[in-house]
N, C-alpha and C. Protein backbone atom coordinates (compact mmCIF):
# COMPACT_ATOMS: atom_id res chain seq x y z
N MET A 1 6.93 -2.00 -14.37
CA MET A 1 6.32 -1.75 -13.08
C MET A 1 6.34 -3.05 -12.27
N LYS A 2 6.78 -2.94 -11.03
CA LYS A 2 6.82 -4.10 -10.14
C LYS A 2 5.43 -4.41 -9.62
N THR A 3 5.21 -5.67 -9.31
CA THR A 3 3.94 -6.09 -8.72
C THR A 3 4.21 -6.91 -7.46
N LYS A 4 3.18 -7.03 -6.66
CA LYS A 4 3.23 -7.82 -5.44
C LYS A 4 1.97 -8.67 -5.39
N SER A 5 2.11 -9.95 -5.12
CA SER A 5 0.96 -10.83 -5.01
C SER A 5 0.42 -10.76 -3.58
N ILE A 6 -0.86 -10.40 -3.45
CA ILE A 6 -1.47 -10.24 -2.13
C ILE A 6 -2.65 -11.19 -2.01
N ASN A 7 -2.67 -11.97 -0.93
CA ASN A 7 -3.79 -12.83 -0.61
C ASN A 7 -4.73 -12.02 0.29
N PHE A 8 -5.78 -11.47 -0.27
CA PHE A 8 -6.69 -10.59 0.47
C PHE A 8 -7.43 -11.32 1.59
N LYS A 9 -7.48 -12.63 1.52
CA LYS A 9 -8.13 -13.42 2.58
C LYS A 9 -7.42 -13.20 3.92
N LYS A 10 -6.11 -12.99 3.89
CA LYS A 10 -5.33 -12.80 5.12
C LYS A 10 -5.64 -11.47 5.80
N TYR A 11 -6.14 -10.48 5.06
CA TYR A 11 -6.36 -9.14 5.61
C TYR A 11 -7.82 -8.83 5.91
N SER A 12 -8.71 -9.75 5.59
CA SER A 12 -10.13 -9.53 5.81
C SER A 12 -10.57 -10.19 7.11
N SER A 13 -11.35 -9.48 7.91
CA SER A 13 -11.84 -10.08 9.15
C SER A 13 -12.82 -11.22 8.86
N PHE A 14 -13.41 -11.24 7.66
CA PHE A 14 -14.31 -12.33 7.26
C PHE A 14 -13.55 -13.51 6.67
N LYS A 15 -12.24 -13.33 6.43
CA LYS A 15 -11.37 -14.36 5.85
C LYS A 15 -11.85 -14.83 4.49
N ILE A 16 -12.30 -13.85 3.67
CA ILE A 16 -12.66 -14.15 2.30
C ILE A 16 -11.85 -13.26 1.37
N GLY A 17 -11.67 -13.69 0.16
CA GLY A 17 -10.94 -12.91 -0.83
C GLY A 17 -10.03 -13.82 -1.64
N SER A 18 -9.47 -13.25 -2.68
CA SER A 18 -8.61 -14.04 -3.55
C SER A 18 -7.21 -13.45 -3.58
N GLU A 19 -6.29 -14.17 -4.22
CA GLU A 19 -4.93 -13.69 -4.38
C GLU A 19 -4.86 -12.89 -5.67
N VAL A 20 -4.32 -11.67 -5.57
CA VAL A 20 -4.32 -10.74 -6.70
C VAL A 20 -2.94 -10.10 -6.83
N ALA A 21 -2.49 -9.91 -8.06
CA ALA A 21 -1.25 -9.17 -8.32
C ALA A 21 -1.58 -7.68 -8.27
N VAL A 22 -0.87 -6.96 -7.41
CA VAL A 22 -1.10 -5.53 -7.20
C VAL A 22 0.16 -4.78 -7.63
N ALA A 23 0.00 -3.74 -8.44
CA ALA A 23 1.14 -2.94 -8.88
C ALA A 23 1.66 -2.10 -7.73
N LEU A 24 2.97 -1.88 -7.70
CA LEU A 24 3.59 -1.07 -6.66
C LEU A 24 3.97 0.29 -7.23
N LEU A 25 3.49 1.34 -6.59
CA LEU A 25 3.81 2.70 -7.00
C LEU A 25 5.15 3.08 -6.40
N GLU A 26 6.10 3.38 -7.26
CA GLU A 26 7.42 3.80 -6.79
C GLU A 26 7.60 5.27 -7.15
N ASP A 27 8.35 5.58 -8.15
CA ASP A 27 8.54 6.99 -8.48
C ASP A 27 8.04 7.35 -9.88
N ASP A 28 7.39 6.40 -10.55
CA ASP A 28 6.85 6.65 -11.89
C ASP A 28 5.34 6.88 -11.78
N PHE A 29 4.93 8.15 -11.79
CA PHE A 29 3.52 8.48 -11.62
C PHE A 29 2.78 8.55 -12.96
N SER A 30 3.44 8.23 -14.06
CA SER A 30 2.82 8.39 -15.37
C SER A 30 1.75 7.35 -15.67
N SER A 31 1.76 6.22 -14.97
CA SER A 31 0.83 5.14 -15.31
C SER A 31 -0.23 4.89 -14.24
N ILE A 32 -0.48 5.86 -13.38
CA ILE A 32 -1.40 5.58 -12.27
C ILE A 32 -2.86 5.85 -12.60
N GLU A 33 -3.16 6.49 -13.72
CA GLU A 33 -4.55 6.89 -13.96
C GLU A 33 -5.49 5.73 -14.23
N ASN A 34 -4.99 4.56 -14.55
CA ASN A 34 -5.86 3.41 -14.81
C ASN A 34 -5.99 2.48 -13.60
N TYR A 35 -5.44 2.87 -12.45
CA TYR A 35 -5.42 2.02 -11.27
C TYR A 35 -6.23 2.61 -10.13
N TYR A 36 -6.66 1.73 -9.24
CA TYR A 36 -7.27 2.14 -7.98
C TYR A 36 -6.19 2.00 -6.91
N LEU A 37 -5.91 3.08 -6.20
CA LEU A 37 -4.91 3.06 -5.15
C LEU A 37 -5.55 2.53 -3.87
N ILE A 38 -4.94 1.48 -3.30
CA ILE A 38 -5.46 0.87 -2.09
C ILE A 38 -4.45 1.08 -0.96
N GLY A 39 -4.91 0.92 0.27
CA GLY A 39 -4.05 1.07 1.44
C GLY A 39 -3.43 -0.25 1.84
N SER A 40 -3.44 -0.54 3.12
CA SER A 40 -2.79 -1.75 3.62
C SER A 40 -3.69 -2.98 3.54
N CYS A 41 -4.78 -2.88 2.84
CA CYS A 41 -5.68 -4.00 2.51
C CYS A 41 -6.54 -4.48 3.67
N ASN A 42 -6.55 -3.79 4.78
CA ASN A 42 -7.36 -4.22 5.91
C ASN A 42 -8.84 -4.11 5.55
N ASN A 43 -9.50 -5.26 5.54
CA ASN A 43 -10.92 -5.37 5.20
C ASN A 43 -11.26 -4.80 3.82
N THR A 44 -10.36 -4.97 2.87
CA THR A 44 -10.64 -4.65 1.47
C THR A 44 -11.11 -5.94 0.82
N LEU A 45 -12.35 -5.96 0.39
CA LEU A 45 -12.89 -7.16 -0.24
C LEU A 45 -12.67 -7.10 -1.74
N VAL A 46 -12.08 -8.15 -2.30
CA VAL A 46 -11.74 -8.19 -3.72
C VAL A 46 -12.36 -9.43 -4.32
N GLY A 47 -13.06 -9.25 -5.43
CA GLY A 47 -13.70 -10.36 -6.11
C GLY A 47 -12.75 -11.13 -7.00
N THR A 48 -13.28 -11.98 -7.82
CA THR A 48 -12.46 -12.82 -8.69
C THR A 48 -11.96 -12.08 -9.93
N ASN A 49 -12.56 -10.95 -10.26
CA ASN A 49 -12.13 -10.18 -11.43
C ASN A 49 -11.98 -8.70 -11.02
N PRO A 50 -10.98 -8.37 -10.20
CA PRO A 50 -10.86 -7.01 -9.69
C PRO A 50 -10.33 -6.04 -10.75
N PRO A 51 -10.57 -4.75 -10.56
CA PRO A 51 -9.98 -3.75 -11.44
C PRO A 51 -8.47 -3.68 -11.15
N PRO A 52 -7.70 -2.98 -11.98
CA PRO A 52 -6.26 -2.86 -11.71
C PRO A 52 -6.04 -2.12 -10.38
N LEU A 53 -5.27 -2.74 -9.49
CA LEU A 53 -5.02 -2.19 -8.16
C LEU A 53 -3.55 -1.79 -8.03
N MET A 54 -3.31 -0.77 -7.21
CA MET A 54 -1.95 -0.30 -6.97
C MET A 54 -1.82 0.10 -5.51
N MET A 55 -0.63 -0.11 -4.95
CA MET A 55 -0.36 0.33 -3.58
C MET A 55 1.02 0.98 -3.54
N LEU A 56 1.26 1.78 -2.50
CA LEU A 56 2.55 2.45 -2.34
C LEU A 56 3.62 1.43 -2.00
N SER A 57 4.80 1.58 -2.60
CA SER A 57 5.91 0.68 -2.30
C SER A 57 6.53 1.06 -0.96
N LYS A 58 7.50 0.27 -0.53
CA LYS A 58 8.17 0.51 0.75
C LYS A 58 9.00 1.80 0.74
N MET A 59 9.24 2.37 -0.44
CA MET A 59 10.00 3.63 -0.46
C MET A 59 9.20 4.77 0.16
N TYR A 60 7.90 4.57 0.39
CA TYR A 60 7.05 5.57 1.03
C TYR A 60 6.82 5.25 2.51
N ASP A 61 7.60 4.33 3.06
CA ASP A 61 7.53 3.99 4.47
C ASP A 61 8.72 4.64 5.17
N TYR A 62 8.54 5.83 5.68
CA TYR A 62 9.63 6.54 6.36
C TYR A 62 9.08 7.55 7.37
N ILE A 63 9.91 7.83 8.34
CA ILE A 63 9.68 8.92 9.29
C ILE A 63 11.02 9.65 9.39
N LYS A 64 11.03 10.93 9.08
CA LYS A 64 12.30 11.67 9.12
C LYS A 64 12.05 13.14 9.45
N ILE A 65 13.10 13.75 9.94
CA ILE A 65 13.06 15.18 10.23
C ILE A 65 13.90 15.89 9.19
N GLU A 66 13.31 16.88 8.54
CA GLU A 66 14.01 17.71 7.57
C GLU A 66 13.82 19.16 8.00
N GLY A 67 14.92 19.77 8.47
CA GLY A 67 14.81 21.13 8.99
C GLY A 67 13.95 21.11 10.24
N ASN A 68 12.89 21.90 10.23
CA ASN A 68 11.97 21.91 11.38
C ASN A 68 10.67 21.18 11.07
N MET A 69 10.70 20.25 10.10
CA MET A 69 9.49 19.51 9.71
C MET A 69 9.67 18.01 9.95
N LEU A 70 8.64 17.39 10.48
CA LEU A 70 8.57 15.95 10.60
C LEU A 70 7.81 15.43 9.39
N LYS A 71 8.44 14.53 8.61
CA LYS A 71 7.80 13.99 7.42
C LYS A 71 7.54 12.51 7.62
N VAL A 72 6.31 12.10 7.32
CA VAL A 72 5.89 10.71 7.45
C VAL A 72 5.36 10.26 6.10
N GLY A 73 5.91 9.18 5.58
CA GLY A 73 5.49 8.66 4.28
C GLY A 73 4.11 8.05 4.32
N GLY A 74 3.44 8.06 3.18
CA GLY A 74 2.07 7.55 3.07
C GLY A 74 1.94 6.06 3.30
N ALA A 75 3.03 5.29 3.19
CA ALA A 75 2.97 3.85 3.42
C ALA A 75 3.45 3.46 4.82
N THR A 76 3.66 4.45 5.68
CA THR A 76 4.13 4.17 7.04
C THR A 76 2.97 3.69 7.89
N PRO A 77 3.10 2.51 8.52
CA PRO A 77 2.02 2.02 9.38
C PRO A 77 1.77 2.97 10.55
N SER A 78 0.53 3.13 10.95
CA SER A 78 0.20 4.06 12.01
C SER A 78 0.80 3.65 13.36
N GLY A 79 1.08 2.39 13.54
CA GLY A 79 1.63 1.92 14.81
C GLY A 79 3.14 1.86 14.83
N LYS A 80 3.80 2.37 13.80
CA LYS A 80 5.26 2.28 13.73
C LYS A 80 5.87 3.09 14.87
N SER A 81 6.71 2.45 15.67
CA SER A 81 7.26 3.14 16.85
C SER A 81 8.78 3.10 16.86
N SER A 82 9.41 2.91 15.71
CA SER A 82 10.86 2.82 15.69
C SER A 82 11.53 4.19 15.69
N PHE A 83 10.76 5.26 15.64
CA PHE A 83 11.32 6.60 15.60
C PHE A 83 11.30 7.21 17.00
N VAL A 84 12.44 7.67 17.44
CA VAL A 84 12.54 8.28 18.77
C VAL A 84 13.09 9.68 18.62
N LEU A 85 12.41 10.68 19.19
CA LEU A 85 12.91 12.06 19.14
C LEU A 85 13.99 12.27 20.16
């Protein structure tokens, strides 16, 4: 499983937090039951001994049309404007 090192201090409006290795969820859902799924870390306060954390990988950042459905991935930022109809 891949991990990403995140400095939570950068995402907190209080500028507090530590650097933590966070697992990236890709397509293997078999190991997620021991993790807490987090979002984009905005104002997520993490202590010095956090529980196992996981976030969606970039493979879940998409906007696409399939048939008559618009599909938006769970890791797509709400302000993403690169998609034009």
